[in-house]
Amino acid sequence: MTKHISDSERITIAVLNRKENELKNTKEELNRAYAQLKAMSSYISELKESNKMLSAQVRYLVTKKSIHA
């Protein structure tokens, strides 16, 4: 025997499905944002290391120039 689903139950199920889809989409967006954050953090760390290296090279060149000047 099939159960008759009332209009209010259908509406409730539709609202629940919509909210579940919204939650799924929000979680996907959050995961993408987290991945972007990790990539940006890694990129910033690389830039900091490059900056340290360039600073050391500039310091060396300035010292070398002042010695030979």
PDB file of N, CA and C in Angstrom:
ATOM      1  N   MET A   1       0.840  -1.178   0.000  1.00  0.00           N
ATOM      2  CA  MET A   1       0.000   0.000   0.000  1.00  0.00           C
ATOM      3  C   MET A   1       0.890   1.248   0.000  1.00  0.00           C
ATOM      4  N   THR A   2       0.669   2.137  -0.933  1.00  0.00           N
ATOM      5  CA  THR A   2       1.479   3.341  -1.023  1.00  0.00           C
ATOM      6  C   THR A   2       0.961   4.384  -0.048  1.00  0.00           C
ATOM      7  N   LYS A   3       1.896   5.102   0.482  1.00  0.00           N
ATOM      8  CA  LYS A   3       1.548   6.146   1.448  1.00  0.00           C
ATOM      9  C   LYS A   3       1.268   7.441   0.690  1.00  0.00           C
ATOM     10  N   HIS A   4       0.216   8.099   1.034  1.00  0.00           N
ATOM     11  CA  HIS A   4      -0.116   9.380   0.417  1.00  0.00           C
ATOM     12  C   HIS A   4       0.701  10.477   1.103  1.00  0.00           C
ATOM     13  N   ILE A   5       1.397  11.268   0.305  1.00  0.00           N
ATOM     14  CA  ILE A   5       2.211  12.359   0.836  1.00  0.00           C
ATOM     15  C   ILE A   5       1.420  13.652   0.685  1.00  0.00           C
ATOM     16  N   SER A   6       1.252  14.336   1.784  1.00  0.00           N
ATOM     17  CA  SER A   6       0.478  15.581   1.757  1.00  0.00           C
ATOM     18  C   SER A   6       1.291  16.703   1.113  1.00  0.00           C
ATOM     19  N   ASP A   7       0.613  17.754   0.746  1.00  0.00           N
ATOM     20  CA  ASP A   7       1.276  18.909   0.130  1.00  0.00           C
ATOM     21  C   ASP A   7       2.300  19.520   1.075  1.00  0.00           C
ATOM     22  N   SER A   8       1.973  19.591   2.357  1.00  0.00           N
ATOM     23  CA  SER A   8       2.922  20.177   3.316  1.00  0.00           C
ATOM     24  C   SER A   8       4.169  19.301   3.457  1.00  0.00           C
ATOM     25  N   GLU A   9       3.984  17.968   3.362  1.00  0.00           N
ATOM     26  CA  GLU A   9       5.152  17.078   3.406  1.00  0.00           C
ATOM     27  C   GLU A   9       6.012  17.256   2.160  1.00  0.00           C
ATOM     28  N   ARG A  10       5.373  17.414   1.025  1.00  0.00           N
ATOM     29  CA  ARG A  10       6.124  17.643  -0.219  1.00  0.00           C
ATOM     30  C   ARG A  10       6.914  18.951  -0.140  1.00  0.00           C
ATOM     31  N   ILE A  11       6.282  19.973   0.389  1.00  0.00           N
ATOM     32  CA  ILE A  11       6.960  21.265   0.535  1.00  0.00           C
ATOM     33  C   ILE A  11       8.127  21.135   1.498  1.00  0.00           C
ATOM     34  N   THR A  12       7.900  20.428   2.597  1.00  0.00           N
ATOM     35  CA  THR A  12       8.958  20.231   3.591  1.00  0.00           C
ATOM     36  C   THR A  12      10.134  19.475   2.981  1.00  0.00           C
ATOM     37  N   ILE A  13       9.843  18.424   2.221  1.00  0.00           N
ATOM     38  CA  ILE A  13      10.904  17.651   1.570  1.00  0.00           C
ATOM     39  C   ILE A  13      11.644  18.505   0.552  1.00  0.00           C
ATOM     40  N   ALA A  14      10.920  19.313  -0.215  1.00  0.00           N
ATOM     41  CA  ALA A  14      11.554  20.187  -1.208  1.00  0.00           C
ATOM     42  C   ALA A  14      12.458  21.208  -0.533  1.00  0.00           C
ATOM     43  N   VAL A  15      11.982  21.784   0.574  1.00  0.00           N
ATOM     44  CA  VAL A  15      12.794  22.764   1.306  1.00  0.00           C
ATOM     45  C   VAL A  15      14.043  22.089   1.866  1.00  0.00           C
ATOM     46  N   LEU A  16      13.866  20.876   2.409  1.00  0.00           N
ATOM     47  CA  LEU A  16      15.014  20.131   2.952  1.00  0.00           C
ATOM     48  C   LEU A  16      16.034  19.837   1.862  1.00  0.00           C
ATOM     49  N   ASN A  17      15.565  19.396   0.705  1.00  0.00           N
ATOM     50  CA  ASN A  17      16.481  19.112  -0.408  1.00  0.00           C
ATOM     51  C   ASN A  17      17.227  20.369  -0.849  1.00  0.00           C
ATOM     52  N   ARG A  18      16.499  21.486  -0.917  1.00  0.00           N
ATOM     53  CA  ARG A  18      17.140  22.745  -1.310  1.00  0.00           C
ATOM     54  C   ARG A  18      18.210  23.140  -0.305  1.00  0.00           C
ATOM     55  N   LYS A  19      17.888  23.021   0.989  1.00  0.00           N
ATOM     56  CA  LYS A  19      18.861  23.379   2.029  1.00  0.00           C
ATOM     57  C   LYS A  19      20.071  22.449   1.978  1.00  0.00           C
ATOM     58  N   GLU A  20      19.846  21.160   1.717  1.00  0.00           N
ATOM     59  CA  GLU A  20      20.969  20.219   1.606  1.00  0.00           C
ATOM     60  C   GLU A  20      21.861  20.582   0.427  1.00  0.00           C
ATOM     61  N   ASN A  21      21.256  20.963  -0.688  1.00  0.00           N
ATOM     62  CA  ASN A  21      22.040  21.387  -1.857  1.00  0.00           C
ATOM     63  C   ASN A  21      22.816  22.669  -1.560  1.00  0.00           C
ATOM     64  N   GLU A  22      22.181  23.609  -0.873  1.00  0.00           N
ATOM     65  CA  GLU A  22      22.873  24.842  -0.498  1.00  0.00           C
ATOM     66  C   GLU A  22      24.052  24.535   0.420  1.00  0.00           C
ATOM     67  N   LEU A  23      23.848  23.635   1.357  1.00  0.00           N
ATOM     68  CA  LEU A  23      24.924  23.253   2.276  1.00  0.00           C
ATOM     69  C   LEU A  23      26.074  22.599   1.518  1.00  0.00           C
ATOM     70  N   LYS A  24      25.735  21.714   0.577  1.00  0.00           N
ATOM     71  CA  LYS A  24      26.762  21.052  -0.232  1.00  0.00           C
ATOM     72  C   LYS A  24      27.563  22.084  -1.024  1.00  0.00           C
ATOM     73  N   ASN A  25      26.848  23.032  -1.646  1.00  0.00           N
ATOM     74  CA  ASN A  25      27.527  24.074  -2.429  1.00  0.00           C
ATOM     75  C   ASN A  25      28.407  24.954  -1.540  1.00  0.00           C
ATOM     76  N   THR A  26      27.905  25.284  -0.360  1.00  0.00           N
ATOM     77  CA  THR A  26      28.680  26.106   0.564  1.00  0.00           C
ATOM     78  C   THR A  26      29.945  25.378   1.013  1.00  0.00           C
ATOM     79  N   LYS A  27      29.810  24.082   1.278  1.00  0.00           N
ATOM     80  CA  LYS A  27      30.994  23.297   1.667  1.00  0.00           C
ATOM     81  C   LYS A  27      32.018  23.252   0.539  1.00  0.00           C
ATOM     82  N   GLU A  28      31.543  23.099  -0.705  1.00  0.00           N
ATOM     83  CA  GLU A  28      32.455  23.095  -1.850  1.00  0.00           C
ATOM     84  C   GLU A  28      33.168  24.440  -1.985  1.00  0.00           C
ATOM     85  N   GLU A  29      32.420  25.521  -1.812  1.00  0.00           N
ATOM     86  CA  GLU A  29      33.024  26.858  -1.882  1.00  0.00           C
ATOM     87  C   GLU A  29      34.059  27.030  -0.778  1.00  0.00           C
ATOM     88  N   LEU A  30      33.732  26.561   0.405  1.00  0.00           N
ATOM     89  CA  LEU A  30      34.657  26.654   1.535  1.00  0.00           C
ATOM     90  C   LEU A  30      35.921  25.855   1.261  1.00  0.00           C
ATOM     91  N   ASN A  31      35.775  24.666   0.702  1.00  0.00           N
ATOM     92  CA  ASN A  31      36.947  23.856   0.362  1.00  0.00           C
ATOM     93  C   ASN A  31      37.814  24.539  -0.690  1.00  0.00           C
ATOM     94  N   ARG A  32      37.175  25.155  -1.687  1.00  0.00           N
ATOM     95  CA  ARG A  32      37.947  25.884  -2.707  1.00  0.00           C
ATOM     96  C   ARG A  32      38.670  27.072  -2.085  1.00  0.00           C
ATOM     97  N   ALA A  33      37.976  27.789  -1.207  1.00  0.00           N
ATOM     98  CA  ALA A  33      38.602  28.944  -0.556  1.00  0.00           C
ATOM     99  C   ALA A  33      39.774  28.491   0.315  1.00  0.00           C
ATOM    100  N   TYR A  34      39.620  27.358   0.997  1.00  0.00           N
ATOM    101  CA  TYR A  34      40.714  26.836   1.832  1.00  0.00           C
ATOM    102  C   TYR A  34      41.914  26.449   0.964  1.00  0.00           C
ATOM    103  N   ALA A  35      41.646  25.829  -0.174  1.00  0.00           N
ATOM    104  CA  ALA A  35      42.730  25.460  -1.088  1.00  0.00           C
ATOM    105  C   ALA A  35      43.445  26.714  -1.599  1.00  0.00           C
ATOM    106  N   GLN A  36      42.670  27.754  -1.921  1.00  0.00           N
ATOM    107  CA  GLN A  36      43.273  29.007  -2.369  1.00  0.00           C
ATOM    108  C   GLN A  36      44.115  29.625  -1.256  1.00  0.00           C
ATOM    109  N   LEU A  37      43.612  29.556  -0.040  1.00  0.00           N
ATOM    110  CA  LEU A  37      44.351  30.094   1.097  1.00  0.00           C
ATOM    111  C   LEU A  37      45.676  29.368   1.276  1.00  0.00           C
ATOM    112  N   LYS A  38      45.650  28.044   1.176  1.00  0.00           N
ATOM    113  CA  LYS A  38      46.893  27.273   1.293  1.00  0.00           C
ATOM    114  C   LYS A  38      47.875  27.652   0.195  1.00  0.00           C
ATOM    115  N   ALA A  39      47.369  27.791  -1.035  1.00  0.00           N
ATOM    116  CA  ALA A  39      48.239  28.149  -2.154  1.00  0.00           C
ATOM    117  C   ALA A  39      48.822  29.547  -1.952  1.00  0.00           C
ATOM    118  N   MET A  40      47.992  30.481  -1.498  1.00  0.00           N
ATOM    119  CA  MET A  40      48.474  31.846  -1.268  1.00  0.00           C
ATOM    120  C   MET A  40      49.491  31.880  -0.131  1.00  0.00           C
ATOM    121  N   SER A  41      49.263  31.114   0.908  1.00  0.00           N
ATOM    122  CA  SER A  41      50.209  31.065   2.028  1.00  0.00           C
ATOM    123  C   SER A  41      51.551  30.518   1.570  1.00  0.00           C
ATOM    124  N   SER A  42      51.492  29.475   0.750  1.00  0.00           N
ATOM    125  CA  SER A  42      52.721  28.896   0.215  1.00  0.00           C
ATOM    126  C   SER A  42      53.450  29.915  -0.664  1.00  0.00           C
ATOM    127  N   TYR A  43      52.699  30.617  -1.497  1.00  0.00           N
ATOM    128  CA  TYR A  43      53.276  31.619  -2.381  1.00  0.00           C
ATOM    129  C   TYR A  43      53.919  32.747  -1.574  1.00  0.00           C
ATOM    130  N   ILE A  44      53.255  33.179  -0.523  1.00  0.00           N
ATOM    131  CA  ILE A  44      53.793  34.238   0.332  1.00  0.00           C
ATOM    132  C   ILE A  44      55.079  33.777   0.994  1.00  0.00           C
ATOM    133  N   SER A  45      55.101  32.529   1.451  1.00  0.00           N
ATOM    134  CA  SER A  45      56.324  31.988   2.066  1.00  0.00           C
ATOM    135  C   SER A  45      57.476  31.984   1.062  1.00  0.00           C
ATOM    136  N   GLU A  46      57.177  31.579  -0.173  1.00  0.00           N
ATOM    137  CA  GLU A  46      58.213  31.589  -1.214  1.00  0.00           C
ATOM    138  C   GLU A  46      58.701  33.010  -1.476  1.00  0.00           C
ATOM    139  N   LEU A  47      57.782  33.969  -1.505  1.00  0.00           N
ATOM    140  CA  LEU A  47      58.174  35.364  -1.729  1.00  0.00           C
ATOM    141  C   LEU A  47      59.047  35.882  -0.589  1.00  0.00           C
ATOM    142  N   LYS A  48      58.734  35.489   0.631  1.00  0.00           N
ATOM    143  CA  LYS A  48      59.544  35.908   1.774  1.00  0.00           C
ATOM    144  C   LYS A  48      60.962  35.362   1.651  1.00  0.00           C
ATOM    145  N   GLU A  49      61.069  34.096   1.261  1.00  0.00           N
ATOM    146  CA  GLU A  49      62.402  33.507   1.087  1.00  0.00           C
ATOM    147  C   GLU A  49      63.162  34.210  -0.034  1.00  0.00           C
ATOM    148  N   SER A  50      62.479  34.499  -1.130  1.00  0.00           N
ATOM    149  CA  SER A  50      63.128  35.214  -2.238  1.00  0.00           C
ATOM    150  C   SER A  50      63.570  36.602  -1.790  1.00  0.00           C
ATOM    151  N   ASN A  51      62.742  37.267  -0.998  1.00  0.00           N
ATOM    152  CA  ASN A  51      63.072  38.590  -0.492  1.00  0.00           C
ATOM    153  C   ASN A  51      64.315  38.531   0.395  1.00  0.00           C
ATOM    154  N   LYS A  52      64.391  37.522   1.244  1.00  0.00           N
ATOM    155  CA  LYS A  52      65.579  37.369   2.100  1.00  0.00           C
ATOM    156  C   LYS A  52      66.833  37.170   1.251  1.00  0.00           C
ATOM    157  N   MET A  53      66.696  36.346   0.206  1.00  0.00           N
ATOM    158  CA  MET A  53      67.838  36.073  -0.657  1.00  0.00           C
ATOM    159  C   MET A  53      68.268  37.347  -1.388  1.00  0.00           C
ATOM    160  N   LEU A  54      67.309  38.080  -1.917  1.00  0.00           N
ATOM    161  CA  LEU A  54      67.633  39.319  -2.627  1.00  0.00           C
ATOM    162  C   LEU A  54      68.245  40.354  -1.691  1.00  0.00           C
ATOM    163  N   SER A  55      67.740  40.429  -0.471  1.00  0.00           N
ATOM    164  CA  SER A  55      68.300  41.364   0.509  1.00  0.00           C
ATOM    165  C   SER A  55      69.751  41.022   0.809  1.00  0.00           C
ATOM    166  N   ALA A  56      70.023  39.740   0.953  1.00  0.00           N
ATOM    167  CA  ALA A  56      71.405  39.308   1.215  1.00  0.00           C
ATOM    168  C   ALA A  56      72.303  39.648   0.032  1.00  0.00           C
ATOM    169  N   GLN A  57      71.803  39.458  -1.193  1.00  0.00           N
ATOM    170  CA  GLN A  57      72.606  39.781  -2.374  1.00  0.00           C
ATOM    171  C   GLN A  57      72.872  41.277  -2.463  1.00  0.00           C
ATOM    172  N   VAL A  58      71.855  42.089  -2.192  1.00  0.00           N
ATOM    173  CA  VAL A  58      72.032  43.541  -2.224  1.00  0.00           C
ATOM    174  C   VAL A  58      73.047  43.963  -1.169  1.00  0.00           C
ATOM    175  N   ARG A  59      72.905  43.423   0.031  1.00  0.00           N
ATOM    176  CA  ARG A  59      73.839  43.746   1.115  1.00  0.00           C
ATOM    177  C   ARG A  59      75.274  43.377   0.710  1.00  0.00           C
ATOM    178  N   TYR A  60      75.442  42.203   0.086  1.00  0.00           N
ATOM    179  CA  TYR A  60      76.763  41.766  -0.368  1.00  0.00           C
ATOM    180  C   TYR A  60      77.314  42.725  -1.429  1.00  0.00           C
ATOM    181  N   LEU A  61      76.470  43.102  -2.388  1.00  0.00           N
ATOM    182  CA  LEU A  61      76.932  43.986  -3.458  1.00  0.00           C
ATOM    183  C   LEU A  61      77.280  45.372  -2.936  1.00  0.00           C
ATOM    184  N   VAL A  62      76.500  45.880  -1.986  1.00  0.00           N
ATOM    185  CA  VAL A  62      76.795  47.192  -1.398  1.00  0.00           C
ATOM    186  C   VAL A  62      78.111  47.127  -0.638  1.00  0.00           C
ATOM    187  N   THR A  63      78.287  46.073   0.114  1.00  0.00           N
ATOM    188  CA  THR A  63      79.547  45.907   0.870  1.00  0.00           C
ATOM    189  C   THR A  63      80.731  45.802  -0.083  1.00  0.00           C
ATOM    190  N   LYS A  64      80.577  45.014  -1.149  1.00  0.00           N
ATOM    191  CA  LYS A  64      81.642  44.834  -2.129  1.00  0.00           C
ATOM    192  C   LYS A  64      81.979  46.156  -2.813  1.00  0.00           C
ATOM    193  N   LYS A  65      80.937  46.948  -3.148  1.00  0.00           N
ATOM    194  CA  LYS A  65      81.160  48.225  -3.814  1.00  0.00           C
ATOM    195  C   LYS A  65      81.885  49.194  -2.895  1.00  0.00           C
ATOM    196  N   SER A  66      81.482  49.231  -1.605  1.00  0.00           N
ATOM    197  CA  SER A  66      82.113  50.177  -0.677  1.00  0.00           C
ATOM    198  C   SER A  66      83.565  49.781  -0.407  1.00  0.00           C
ATOM    199  N   ILE A  67      83.889  48.505  -0.493  1.00  0.00           N
ATOM    200  CA  ILE A  67      85.267  48.062  -0.282  1.00  0.00           C
ATOM    201  C   ILE A  67      86.125  48.463  -1.480  1.00  0.00           C
ATOM    202  N   HIS A  68      85.597  48.343  -2.676  1.00  0.00           N
ATOM    203  CA  HIS A  68      86.374  48.646  -3.890  1.00  0.00           C
ATOM    204  C   HIS A  68      86.289  50.111  -4.291  1.00  0.00           C
ATOM    205  N   ALA A  69      85.521  50.891  -3.605  1.00  0.00           N
ATOM    206  CA  ALA A  69      85.368  52.293  -4.003  1.00  0.00           C
ATOM    207  C   ALA A  69      86.511  53.145  -3.544  1.00  0.00           C
TER     208      ALA A  69
END
